[in-house]
N, C-alpha and C. Protein backbone atom coordinates (compact mmCIF):
# COMPACT_ATOMS: atom_id res chain seq x y z
N MET A 1 -11.98 4.12 -5.10
CA MET A 1 -12.14 3.35 -3.88
C MET A 1 -11.48 1.98 -4.00
N SER A 2 -11.23 1.51 -5.21
CA SER A 2 -10.69 0.16 -5.37
C SER A 2 -9.23 0.04 -4.95
N ASP A 3 -8.50 1.15 -4.93
CA ASP A 3 -7.09 1.08 -4.56
C ASP A 3 -6.83 1.49 -3.12
N LEU A 4 -7.82 1.39 -2.26
CA LEU A 4 -7.63 1.68 -0.84
C LEU A 4 -6.79 0.57 -0.20
N PRO A 5 -6.00 0.93 0.83
CA PRO A 5 -5.25 -0.10 1.54
C PRO A 5 -6.22 -1.00 2.32
N THR A 6 -5.73 -2.11 2.82
CA THR A 6 -6.59 -2.99 3.61
C THR A 6 -6.11 -3.15 5.05
N GLN A 7 -4.79 -3.07 5.31
CA GLN A 7 -4.26 -3.28 6.66
C GLN A 7 -4.67 -2.15 7.60
N VAL A 8 -5.08 -2.51 8.81
CA VAL A 8 -5.47 -1.54 9.84
C VAL A 8 -4.34 -1.40 10.85
N TYR A 9 -4.10 -0.15 11.27
CA TYR A 9 -3.11 0.15 12.31
C TYR A 9 -3.82 0.77 13.50
N LEU A 10 -3.47 0.31 14.69
CA LEU A 10 -3.98 0.91 15.91
C LEU A 10 -3.15 2.16 16.15
N ALA A 11 -3.77 3.34 16.15
CA ALA A 11 -3.06 4.61 16.20
C ALA A 11 -1.99 4.61 17.29
N GLY A 12 -0.76 4.83 16.87
CA GLY A 12 0.35 4.92 17.80
C GLY A 12 0.86 3.60 18.35
N GLN A 13 0.28 2.46 17.91
CA GLN A 13 0.67 1.17 18.50
C GLN A 13 1.01 0.09 17.47
N GLY A 14 0.93 0.37 16.19
CA GLY A 14 1.29 -0.63 15.19
C GLY A 14 0.10 -1.35 14.59
N ARG A 15 0.38 -2.46 13.92
CA ARG A 15 -0.64 -3.21 13.19
C ARG A 15 -1.71 -3.77 14.12
N TYR A 16 -2.95 -3.70 13.65
CA TYR A 16 -4.08 -4.33 14.34
C TYR A 16 -4.37 -5.64 13.62
N GLU A 17 -4.41 -6.73 14.35
CA GLU A 17 -4.61 -8.05 13.73
C GLU A 17 -5.98 -8.64 14.07
N GLY A 18 -6.84 -7.86 14.74
CA GLY A 18 -8.11 -8.39 15.22
C GLY A 18 -9.25 -8.19 14.24
N ASN A 19 -10.47 -8.26 14.79
CA ASN A 19 -11.70 -8.20 14.01
C ASN A 19 -12.59 -7.07 14.51
N GLY A 20 -13.64 -6.78 13.77
CA GLY A 20 -14.62 -5.78 14.18
C GLY A 20 -15.65 -5.57 13.09
N ASP A 21 -16.75 -4.96 13.46
CA ASP A 21 -17.82 -4.62 12.52
C ASP A 21 -17.74 -3.14 12.21
N VAL A 22 -17.73 -2.79 10.92
CA VAL A 22 -17.60 -1.40 10.48
C VAL A 22 -18.98 -0.83 10.18
N PHE A 23 -19.21 0.39 10.66
CA PHE A 23 -20.45 1.12 10.41
C PHE A 23 -20.11 2.51 9.87
N VAL A 24 -21.05 3.08 9.11
CA VAL A 24 -20.88 4.45 8.63
C VAL A 24 -21.96 5.31 9.27
N LEU A 25 -21.54 6.46 9.79
CA LEU A 25 -22.44 7.43 10.39
C LEU A 25 -22.84 8.43 9.31
N LEU A 26 -24.15 8.58 9.09
CA LEU A 26 -24.68 9.50 8.10
C LEU A 26 -25.68 10.42 8.78
N ARG A 27 -25.77 11.64 8.28
CA ARG A 27 -26.71 12.59 8.87
C ARG A 27 -27.31 13.51 7.82
N ASN A 28 -28.49 14.01 8.16
CA ASN A 28 -29.10 15.10 7.41
C ASN A 28 -29.60 16.10 8.44
N SER A 29 -30.40 17.05 8.06
CA SER A 29 -30.84 18.08 9.01
C SER A 29 -31.75 17.52 10.10
N GLU A 30 -32.32 16.33 9.90
CA GLU A 30 -33.25 15.77 10.87
C GLU A 30 -32.77 14.48 11.53
N ASP A 31 -31.97 13.70 10.85
CA ASP A 31 -31.60 12.37 11.34
C ASP A 31 -30.09 12.17 11.39
N ILE A 32 -29.69 11.33 12.34
CA ILE A 32 -28.33 10.80 12.39
C ILE A 32 -28.49 9.29 12.51
N ASP A 33 -27.95 8.55 11.55
CA ASP A 33 -28.11 7.10 11.53
C ASP A 33 -26.77 6.42 11.33
N THR A 34 -26.71 5.17 11.75
CA THR A 34 -25.55 4.34 11.49
C THR A 34 -26.00 3.14 10.68
N LEU A 35 -25.25 2.86 9.62
CA LEU A 35 -25.58 1.76 8.73
C LEU A 35 -24.39 0.81 8.62
N PRO A 36 -24.63 -0.49 8.48
CA PRO A 36 -23.52 -1.43 8.29
C PRO A 36 -22.70 -1.05 7.06
N ALA A 37 -21.36 -1.14 7.19
CA ALA A 37 -20.49 -0.70 6.11
C ALA A 37 -19.33 -1.65 5.85
N GLY A 38 -19.34 -2.83 6.48
CA GLY A 38 -18.27 -3.79 6.23
C GLY A 38 -17.75 -4.38 7.53
N LYS A 39 -16.51 -4.87 7.47
CA LYS A 39 -15.92 -5.49 8.66
C LYS A 39 -14.41 -5.44 8.58
N ILE A 40 -13.80 -5.71 9.71
CA ILE A 40 -12.36 -5.93 9.79
C ILE A 40 -12.18 -7.40 10.13
N GLN A 41 -11.41 -8.11 9.32
CA GLN A 41 -11.10 -9.52 9.58
C GLN A 41 -9.59 -9.70 9.60
N ASN A 42 -9.09 -10.19 10.74
CA ASN A 42 -7.64 -10.41 10.89
C ASN A 42 -6.84 -9.16 10.51
N GLY A 43 -7.36 -8.00 10.90
CA GLY A 43 -6.66 -6.74 10.66
C GLY A 43 -6.82 -6.16 9.27
N GLN A 44 -7.68 -6.76 8.44
CA GLN A 44 -7.89 -6.29 7.06
C GLN A 44 -9.29 -5.70 6.92
N VAL A 45 -9.37 -4.49 6.34
CA VAL A 45 -10.66 -3.82 6.12
C VAL A 45 -11.33 -4.39 4.89
N LEU A 46 -12.58 -4.79 5.04
CA LEU A 46 -13.43 -5.23 3.93
C LEU A 46 -14.66 -4.32 3.92
N LEU A 47 -14.60 -3.25 3.14
CA LEU A 47 -15.69 -2.28 3.10
C LEU A 47 -16.83 -2.75 2.21
N ASN A 48 -18.03 -2.47 2.63
CA ASN A 48 -19.24 -2.71 1.84
C ASN A 48 -20.18 -1.54 2.16
N LEU A 49 -19.82 -0.36 1.65
CA LEU A 49 -20.56 0.86 1.97
C LEU A 49 -21.96 0.84 1.36
N PRO A 50 -22.95 1.34 2.07
CA PRO A 50 -24.33 1.31 1.56
C PRO A 50 -24.52 2.27 0.39
N ASP A 51 -25.39 1.87 -0.54
CA ASP A 51 -25.73 2.72 -1.68
C ASP A 51 -27.05 3.46 -1.46
N ASP A 52 -27.87 2.99 -0.55
CA ASP A 52 -29.18 3.59 -0.31
C ASP A 52 -29.04 4.73 0.70
N VAL A 53 -28.50 5.87 0.24
CA VAL A 53 -28.23 6.99 1.13
C VAL A 53 -29.01 8.25 0.73
N GLY A 54 -30.03 8.08 -0.11
CA GLY A 54 -30.77 9.22 -0.65
C GLY A 54 -31.28 10.21 0.37
N LYS A 55 -31.74 9.73 1.51
CA LYS A 55 -32.33 10.67 2.48
C LYS A 55 -31.29 11.55 3.16
N TYR A 56 -30.00 11.21 3.01
CA TYR A 56 -28.93 12.00 3.63
C TYR A 56 -28.30 12.99 2.66
N LEU A 57 -28.65 12.90 1.38
CA LEU A 57 -28.05 13.77 0.37
C LEU A 57 -28.57 15.19 0.48
N GLU A 58 -27.67 16.14 0.32
CA GLU A 58 -28.05 17.55 0.30
C GLU A 58 -27.48 18.19 -0.95
N LYS A 59 -28.30 19.02 -1.59
CA LYS A 59 -27.88 19.67 -2.82
C LYS A 59 -26.69 20.59 -2.54
N LEU A 60 -25.70 20.51 -3.41
CA LEU A 60 -24.52 21.36 -3.28
C LEU A 60 -24.88 22.77 -3.71
N GLU A 61 -24.65 23.72 -2.82
CA GLU A 61 -24.97 25.12 -3.09
C GLU A 61 -23.69 25.93 -3.25
N ASN A 62 -23.81 27.23 -3.35
CA ASN A 62 -22.66 28.11 -3.44
C ASN A 62 -21.74 27.90 -2.24
N PRO A 63 -20.46 27.59 -2.45
CA PRO A 63 -19.57 27.35 -1.31
C PRO A 63 -19.43 28.54 -0.37
N CYS A 64 -19.67 29.75 -0.85
CA CYS A 64 -19.61 30.92 0.04
C CYS A 64 -20.71 30.87 1.09
N ASP A 65 -21.79 30.14 0.83
CA ASP A 65 -22.86 30.00 1.82
C ASP A 65 -22.40 29.22 3.04
N ASP A 66 -21.36 28.38 2.88
CA ASP A 66 -20.85 27.58 3.99
C ASP A 66 -19.78 28.30 4.81
N VAL A 67 -19.35 29.45 4.33
CA VAL A 67 -18.34 30.23 5.06
C VAL A 67 -19.01 30.91 6.25
N HIS A 68 -18.28 31.01 7.36
CA HIS A 68 -18.82 31.67 8.55
C HIS A 68 -19.35 33.04 8.17
N GLU A 69 -20.48 33.42 8.74
CA GLU A 69 -21.20 34.63 8.36
C GLU A 69 -20.33 35.88 8.35
N GLU A 70 -19.43 36.02 9.31
CA GLU A 70 -18.62 37.24 9.38
C GLU A 70 -17.61 37.35 8.23
N TYR A 71 -17.34 36.24 7.51
CA TYR A 71 -16.38 36.26 6.41
C TYR A 71 -17.07 36.30 5.04
N ARG A 72 -18.38 36.16 4.99
CA ARG A 72 -19.08 36.01 3.71
C ARG A 72 -18.95 37.22 2.80
N GLU A 73 -18.89 38.40 3.38
CA GLU A 73 -18.82 39.61 2.56
C GLU A 73 -17.59 39.62 1.66
N SER A 74 -16.47 39.07 2.15
CA SER A 74 -15.23 39.06 1.36
C SER A 74 -15.11 37.79 0.50
N CYS A 75 -16.07 36.89 0.59
CA CYS A 75 -15.96 35.60 -0.09
C CYS A 75 -16.20 35.73 -1.60
N GLN A 76 -15.32 35.10 -2.36
CA GLN A 76 -15.47 35.01 -3.81
C GLN A 76 -15.24 33.56 -4.22
N SER A 77 -16.03 33.10 -5.19
CA SER A 77 -15.93 31.71 -5.62
C SER A 77 -15.94 31.61 -7.13
N THR A 78 -15.08 30.73 -7.66
CA THR A 78 -15.08 30.43 -9.10
C THR A 78 -15.48 28.98 -9.33
N PHE A 79 -16.17 28.38 -8.34
CA PHE A 79 -16.55 26.97 -8.44
C PHE A 79 -17.49 26.75 -9.61
N SER A 80 -17.34 25.58 -10.24
CA SER A 80 -18.33 25.11 -11.20
C SER A 80 -18.64 23.67 -10.84
N TRP A 81 -19.90 23.28 -10.87
CA TRP A 81 -20.32 21.94 -10.52
C TRP A 81 -21.67 21.66 -11.16
N PRO A 82 -22.03 20.39 -11.31
CA PRO A 82 -23.35 20.05 -11.86
C PRO A 82 -24.45 20.61 -10.95
N LYS A 83 -25.41 21.29 -11.51
CA LYS A 83 -26.40 22.02 -10.72
C LYS A 83 -27.35 21.12 -9.93
N ASN A 84 -27.49 19.85 -10.32
CA ASN A 84 -28.36 18.94 -9.57
C ASN A 84 -27.60 18.05 -8.59
N LEU A 85 -26.32 18.29 -8.44
CA LEU A 85 -25.48 17.45 -7.60
C LEU A 85 -25.87 17.55 -6.13
N ALA A 86 -25.99 16.37 -5.50
CA ALA A 86 -26.23 16.31 -4.05
C ALA A 86 -25.15 15.40 -3.46
N ILE A 87 -24.71 15.72 -2.24
CA ILE A 87 -23.64 14.95 -1.60
C ILE A 87 -23.97 14.71 -0.13
N THR A 88 -23.28 13.75 0.45
CA THR A 88 -23.30 13.54 1.89
C THR A 88 -21.93 13.04 2.30
N GLU A 89 -21.58 13.30 3.56
CA GLU A 89 -20.30 12.84 4.09
C GLU A 89 -20.55 11.73 5.10
N GLY A 90 -19.69 10.73 5.08
CA GLY A 90 -19.81 9.62 6.02
C GLY A 90 -18.60 9.54 6.93
N SER A 91 -18.83 9.07 8.16
CA SER A 91 -17.75 8.81 9.12
C SER A 91 -17.83 7.35 9.52
N LEU A 92 -16.68 6.68 9.57
CA LEU A 92 -16.65 5.25 9.88
C LEU A 92 -16.29 5.02 11.34
N TYR A 93 -16.91 4.00 11.93
CA TYR A 93 -16.51 3.57 13.26
C TYR A 93 -16.67 2.06 13.35
N VAL A 94 -16.09 1.48 14.41
CA VAL A 94 -16.03 0.03 14.53
C VAL A 94 -16.62 -0.40 15.87
N LYS A 95 -17.41 -1.48 15.85
CA LYS A 95 -17.93 -2.11 17.06
C LYS A 95 -17.38 -3.53 17.14
N ASN A 96 -17.53 -4.11 18.32
CA ASN A 96 -17.16 -5.50 18.55
C ASN A 96 -15.69 -5.78 18.27
N ILE A 97 -14.83 -4.88 18.72
CA ILE A 97 -13.40 -5.13 18.57
C ILE A 97 -12.92 -5.97 19.73
N ASN A 98 -11.79 -6.62 19.55
CA ASN A 98 -11.26 -7.48 20.60
C ASN A 98 -9.97 -6.91 21.18
N ILE A 99 -10.07 -5.67 21.68
CA ILE A 99 -8.93 -5.03 22.33
C ILE A 99 -9.33 -4.78 23.78
N PRO A 100 -8.67 -5.41 24.74
CA PRO A 100 -9.01 -5.20 26.14
C PRO A 100 -8.96 -3.72 26.52
N SER A 101 -9.93 -3.28 27.28
CA SER A 101 -10.06 -1.93 27.83
C SER A 101 -10.26 -0.84 26.78
N LYS A 102 -10.59 -1.19 25.54
CA LYS A 102 -10.86 -0.19 24.51
C LYS A 102 -12.32 -0.27 24.10
N ARG A 103 -12.89 0.89 23.77
CA ARG A 103 -14.26 0.95 23.29
C ARG A 103 -14.40 2.17 22.37
N GLY A 104 -15.52 2.28 21.71
CA GLY A 104 -15.78 3.45 20.88
C GLY A 104 -14.67 3.75 19.88
N CYS A 105 -14.45 2.86 18.93
CA CYS A 105 -13.34 3.02 17.99
C CYS A 105 -13.79 3.67 16.68
N ASP A 106 -13.04 4.67 16.23
CA ASP A 106 -13.24 5.27 14.92
C ASP A 106 -12.25 4.64 13.95
N LEU A 107 -12.70 4.39 12.74
CA LEU A 107 -11.85 3.89 11.68
C LEU A 107 -11.73 5.00 10.66
N TYR A 108 -10.51 5.40 10.36
CA TYR A 108 -10.37 6.48 9.40
C TYR A 108 -9.10 6.32 8.58
N LEU A 109 -9.16 6.88 7.37
CA LEU A 109 -8.01 6.90 6.50
C LEU A 109 -7.10 8.04 6.90
N ARG A 110 -5.79 7.82 6.82
CA ARG A 110 -4.82 8.88 7.03
C ARG A 110 -3.98 9.01 5.77
N LEU A 111 -3.86 10.23 5.30
CA LEU A 111 -2.98 10.54 4.19
C LEU A 111 -1.62 10.87 4.80
N ILE A 112 -0.65 10.01 4.57
CA ILE A 112 0.67 10.15 5.17
C ILE A 112 1.60 10.84 4.17
N LYS A 113 2.10 12.01 4.57
CA LYS A 113 3.08 12.75 3.77
C LYS A 113 4.24 13.12 4.67
N LEU A 114 5.32 13.56 4.07
CA LEU A 114 6.49 13.98 4.84
C LEU A 114 6.08 15.07 5.83
N ASN A 115 6.28 14.81 7.11
CA ASN A 115 6.03 15.76 8.20
C ASN A 115 4.57 16.15 8.39
N GLN A 116 3.63 15.40 7.82
CA GLN A 116 2.23 15.72 8.09
C GLN A 116 1.34 14.52 7.84
N GLU A 117 0.22 14.51 8.55
CA GLU A 117 -0.80 13.49 8.37
C GLU A 117 -2.14 14.20 8.30
N ARG A 118 -2.95 13.82 7.37
CA ARG A 118 -4.28 14.42 7.23
C ARG A 118 -5.31 13.32 7.02
N SER A 119 -6.55 13.60 7.39
CA SER A 119 -7.63 12.64 7.19
C SER A 119 -8.43 13.01 5.95
N PRO A 120 -8.43 12.15 4.93
CA PRO A 120 -9.27 12.39 3.77
C PRO A 120 -10.76 12.31 4.14
N ASP A 121 -11.60 12.85 3.28
CA ASP A 121 -13.05 12.82 3.51
C ASP A 121 -13.69 11.73 2.66
N LEU A 122 -14.68 11.07 3.24
CA LEU A 122 -15.46 10.04 2.57
C LEU A 122 -16.79 10.68 2.16
N LEU A 123 -16.99 10.86 0.85
CA LEU A 123 -18.17 11.56 0.34
C LEU A 123 -18.94 10.69 -0.65
N TYR A 124 -20.26 10.81 -0.59
CA TYR A 124 -21.13 10.14 -1.55
C TYR A 124 -21.67 11.21 -2.50
N PHE A 125 -21.55 10.98 -3.82
CA PHE A 125 -22.03 11.91 -4.83
C PHE A 125 -23.23 11.29 -5.55
N SER A 126 -24.27 12.08 -5.79
CA SER A 126 -25.49 11.58 -6.43
C SER A 126 -25.31 11.31 -7.91
N GLU A 127 -24.28 11.86 -8.52
CA GLU A 127 -24.02 11.64 -9.93
C GLU A 127 -22.53 11.84 -10.20
N ALA A 128 -22.04 11.30 -11.30
CA ALA A 128 -20.64 11.48 -11.68
C ALA A 128 -20.43 12.88 -12.24
N GLY A 129 -19.22 13.39 -12.10
CA GLY A 129 -18.93 14.70 -12.66
C GLY A 129 -17.62 15.27 -12.16
N LYS A 130 -17.50 16.60 -12.28
CA LYS A 130 -16.30 17.32 -11.86
C LYS A 130 -16.70 18.57 -11.09
N ILE A 131 -15.87 18.92 -10.13
CA ILE A 131 -15.98 20.21 -9.45
C ILE A 131 -14.59 20.82 -9.48
N ASN A 132 -14.52 21.99 -10.06
CA ASN A 132 -13.26 22.71 -10.13
C ASN A 132 -13.49 24.15 -9.71
N GLY A 133 -12.46 24.76 -9.14
CA GLY A 133 -12.57 26.16 -8.81
C GLY A 133 -11.84 26.52 -7.54
N THR A 134 -12.00 27.78 -7.16
CA THR A 134 -11.32 28.33 -6.00
C THR A 134 -12.30 29.17 -5.20
N ILE A 135 -12.17 29.09 -3.89
CA ILE A 135 -12.92 29.97 -3.00
C ILE A 135 -11.90 30.74 -2.17
N THR A 136 -12.12 32.05 -2.04
CA THR A 136 -11.22 32.89 -1.25
C THR A 136 -12.04 33.80 -0.35
N TYR A 137 -11.50 34.06 0.83
CA TYR A 137 -12.10 35.06 1.72
C TYR A 137 -11.07 35.50 2.75
N ASP A 138 -11.34 36.64 3.37
CA ASP A 138 -10.46 37.20 4.39
C ASP A 138 -11.01 36.87 5.76
N GLU A 139 -10.19 36.22 6.60
CA GLU A 139 -10.59 35.93 7.98
C GLU A 139 -10.36 37.14 8.86
N ASN A 140 -9.38 37.94 8.54
CA ASN A 140 -9.13 39.23 9.20
C ASN A 140 -8.22 40.03 8.29
N GLU A 141 -7.67 41.14 8.79
CA GLU A 141 -6.87 42.02 7.92
C GLU A 141 -5.59 41.36 7.43
N THR A 142 -5.08 40.37 8.15
CA THR A 142 -3.80 39.76 7.75
C THR A 142 -3.92 38.31 7.32
N SER A 143 -5.08 37.71 7.47
CA SER A 143 -5.23 36.30 7.15
C SER A 143 -6.18 36.11 5.98
N HIS A 144 -5.65 35.60 4.90
CA HIS A 144 -6.40 35.38 3.67
C HIS A 144 -6.51 33.87 3.44
N TYR A 145 -7.70 33.35 3.22
CA TYR A 145 -7.94 31.92 3.07
C TYR A 145 -8.24 31.62 1.61
N THR A 146 -7.60 30.57 1.07
CA THR A 146 -7.84 30.13 -0.31
C THR A 146 -8.02 28.62 -0.32
N ASN A 147 -9.05 28.16 -0.99
CA ASN A 147 -9.30 26.72 -1.15
C ASN A 147 -9.42 26.41 -2.63
N HIS A 148 -8.47 25.62 -3.16
CA HIS A 148 -8.50 25.16 -4.55
C HIS A 148 -9.09 23.75 -4.56
N VAL A 149 -10.10 23.54 -5.39
CA VAL A 149 -10.76 22.23 -5.48
C VAL A 149 -10.62 21.68 -6.89
N ASP A 150 -10.21 20.41 -6.98
CA ASP A 150 -10.10 19.72 -8.26
C ASP A 150 -10.61 18.29 -8.04
N TRP A 151 -11.91 18.11 -8.19
CA TRP A 151 -12.54 16.81 -7.94
C TRP A 151 -13.08 16.24 -9.25
N ASN A 152 -12.71 15.02 -9.55
CA ASN A 152 -13.25 14.26 -10.67
C ASN A 152 -13.78 12.97 -10.05
N TYR A 153 -15.07 12.82 -9.93
CA TYR A 153 -15.65 11.78 -9.10
C TYR A 153 -16.68 10.95 -9.86
N SER A 154 -16.92 9.75 -9.35
CA SER A 154 -17.94 8.87 -9.90
C SER A 154 -19.20 8.97 -9.04
N LYS A 155 -20.29 8.44 -9.54
CA LYS A 155 -21.49 8.35 -8.72
C LYS A 155 -21.23 7.35 -7.60
N GLY A 156 -21.60 7.71 -6.39
CA GLY A 156 -21.38 6.82 -5.26
C GLY A 156 -20.30 7.36 -4.34
N TRP A 157 -19.63 6.45 -3.63
CA TRP A 157 -18.63 6.83 -2.63
C TRP A 157 -17.29 7.17 -3.27
N ASN A 158 -16.70 8.27 -2.81
CA ASN A 158 -15.41 8.75 -3.29
C ASN A 158 -14.60 9.27 -2.09
N ILE A 159 -13.31 9.38 -2.29
CA ILE A 159 -12.42 9.94 -1.28
C ILE A 159 -11.87 11.26 -1.81
N THR A 160 -11.90 12.32 -0.98
CA THR A 160 -11.25 13.58 -1.34
C THR A 160 -10.08 13.80 -0.39
N TYR A 161 -8.99 14.31 -0.94
CA TYR A 161 -7.74 14.45 -0.20
C TYR A 161 -7.36 15.92 -0.07
N ASP A 162 -6.96 16.30 1.13
CA ASP A 162 -6.47 17.65 1.41
C ASP A 162 -4.94 17.59 1.43
N TYR A 163 -4.29 18.30 0.52
CA TYR A 163 -2.83 18.33 0.52
C TYR A 163 -2.33 19.77 0.62
N SER A 164 -2.82 20.45 1.66
CA SER A 164 -2.60 21.87 1.86
C SER A 164 -1.20 22.19 2.33
N ASN A 165 -0.89 23.47 2.25
CA ASN A 165 0.37 24.01 2.74
C ASN A 165 0.09 25.27 3.56
N GLN A 166 0.93 25.52 4.52
CA GLN A 166 0.89 26.78 5.25
C GLN A 166 2.04 27.63 4.74
N ASN A 167 1.77 28.87 4.41
CA ASN A 167 2.79 29.76 3.89
C ASN A 167 2.65 31.12 4.55
N GLY A 168 3.37 31.32 5.66
CA GLY A 168 3.26 32.58 6.40
C GLY A 168 1.85 32.79 6.90
N ASP A 169 1.27 33.95 6.60
CA ASP A 169 -0.09 34.26 7.03
C ASP A 169 -1.15 33.73 6.07
N ASN A 170 -0.71 33.19 4.93
CA ASN A 170 -1.67 32.70 3.95
C ASN A 170 -2.05 31.27 4.25
N ASN A 171 -3.33 31.01 4.34
CA ASN A 171 -3.83 29.67 4.55
C ASN A 171 -4.33 29.17 3.20
N ILE A 172 -3.59 28.23 2.61
CA ILE A 172 -3.93 27.72 1.29
C ILE A 172 -4.31 26.25 1.42
N ARG A 173 -5.51 25.91 0.94
CA ARG A 173 -5.99 24.54 1.00
C ARG A 173 -6.17 24.03 -0.41
N ASN A 174 -5.69 22.83 -0.67
CA ASN A 174 -5.86 22.17 -1.96
C ASN A 174 -6.53 20.83 -1.72
N THR A 175 -7.62 20.56 -2.43
CA THR A 175 -8.26 19.25 -2.30
C THR A 175 -8.44 18.63 -3.68
N THR A 176 -8.32 17.31 -3.72
CA THR A 176 -8.40 16.58 -4.98
C THR A 176 -9.00 15.20 -4.72
N THR A 177 -9.45 14.55 -5.78
CA THR A 177 -9.86 13.15 -5.70
C THR A 177 -8.77 12.25 -6.25
N ASN A 178 -7.65 12.83 -6.67
CA ASN A 178 -6.55 12.09 -7.28
C ASN A 178 -5.42 11.92 -6.26
N LEU A 179 -5.29 10.74 -5.68
CA LEU A 179 -4.29 10.48 -4.65
C LEU A 179 -2.88 10.81 -5.12
N SER A 180 -2.56 10.56 -6.39
CA SER A 180 -1.20 10.78 -6.88
C SER A 180 -0.79 12.25 -6.81
N LYS A 181 -1.75 13.19 -6.84
CA LYS A 181 -1.42 14.61 -6.75
C LYS A 181 -0.94 15.00 -5.35
N THR A 182 -1.26 14.21 -4.35
CA THR A 182 -0.94 14.58 -2.97
C THR A 182 0.50 14.27 -2.59
N GLY A 183 1.12 13.34 -3.29
CA GLY A 183 2.48 12.93 -2.93
C GLY A 183 2.53 12.09 -1.67
N GLY A 184 1.40 11.55 -1.24
CA GLY A 184 1.34 10.77 -0.01
C GLY A 184 0.82 9.36 -0.24
N THR A 185 0.75 8.60 0.84
CA THR A 185 0.18 7.26 0.82
C THR A 185 -0.93 7.18 1.86
N LEU A 186 -1.77 6.17 1.76
CA LEU A 186 -2.90 6.01 2.67
C LEU A 186 -2.67 4.86 3.64
N GLU A 187 -3.18 5.03 4.87
CA GLU A 187 -3.21 3.97 5.87
C GLU A 187 -4.56 4.03 6.59
N TRP A 188 -5.08 2.85 6.95
CA TRP A 188 -6.26 2.77 7.81
C TRP A 188 -5.81 2.84 9.26
N TRP A 189 -6.37 3.73 10.04
CA TRP A 189 -6.05 3.86 11.46
C TRP A 189 -7.30 3.61 12.28
N LEU A 190 -7.11 2.95 13.40
CA LEU A 190 -8.17 2.66 14.36
C LEU A 190 -7.82 3.43 15.63
N ARG A 191 -8.70 4.37 16.02
CA ARG A 191 -8.49 5.16 17.24
C ARG A 191 -9.64 4.87 18.20
N CYS A 192 -9.29 4.41 19.41
CA CYS A 192 -10.30 3.96 20.36
C CYS A 192 -10.23 4.77 21.65
N ASP A 193 -11.39 4.87 22.31
CA ASP A 193 -11.45 5.45 23.65
C ASP A 193 -11.08 4.39 24.67
N ASP A 194 -10.44 4.80 25.75
CA ASP A 194 -10.11 3.87 26.84
C ASP A 194 -11.34 3.59 27.69
């Protein structure tokens, strides 16, 4: 998290030079809450993500359990992870921005690569460790899905990056916590409703 960029860009319009209050949206099966997470000052992100997120953590289970029910029968997983690991995902948004006619702004990281842009995930891990492995399943007779995961993470907030490729009918997804493996760079983008 220490090597994140600081400059904010207004999606499709260039650098944002204004201010705003950053919040993180967290949820569990019963609650959805927003907690203070930092600010934007003169177009620069200053994150201060909360550490007290215990009530939003969920134990990581077999990844095949998260696959849509109709695909579970073909699902196979070679994942390995710490058995007591719990995680939660956060989404960032901004209030009190000074852009005329704009409201409801999301703040998100974009992984910029040649001919593609993807949004990394912001995840909180209950303990440090590694998750490695592959999950595969068939979506139909011609579409085979593969997800390779290589995460080496610390306790607390981490970023995971998707650097997938499309190859004919094969849907191959690769995710990592190592930005250098993606071949891309990061930018903060601010997307607002009119």
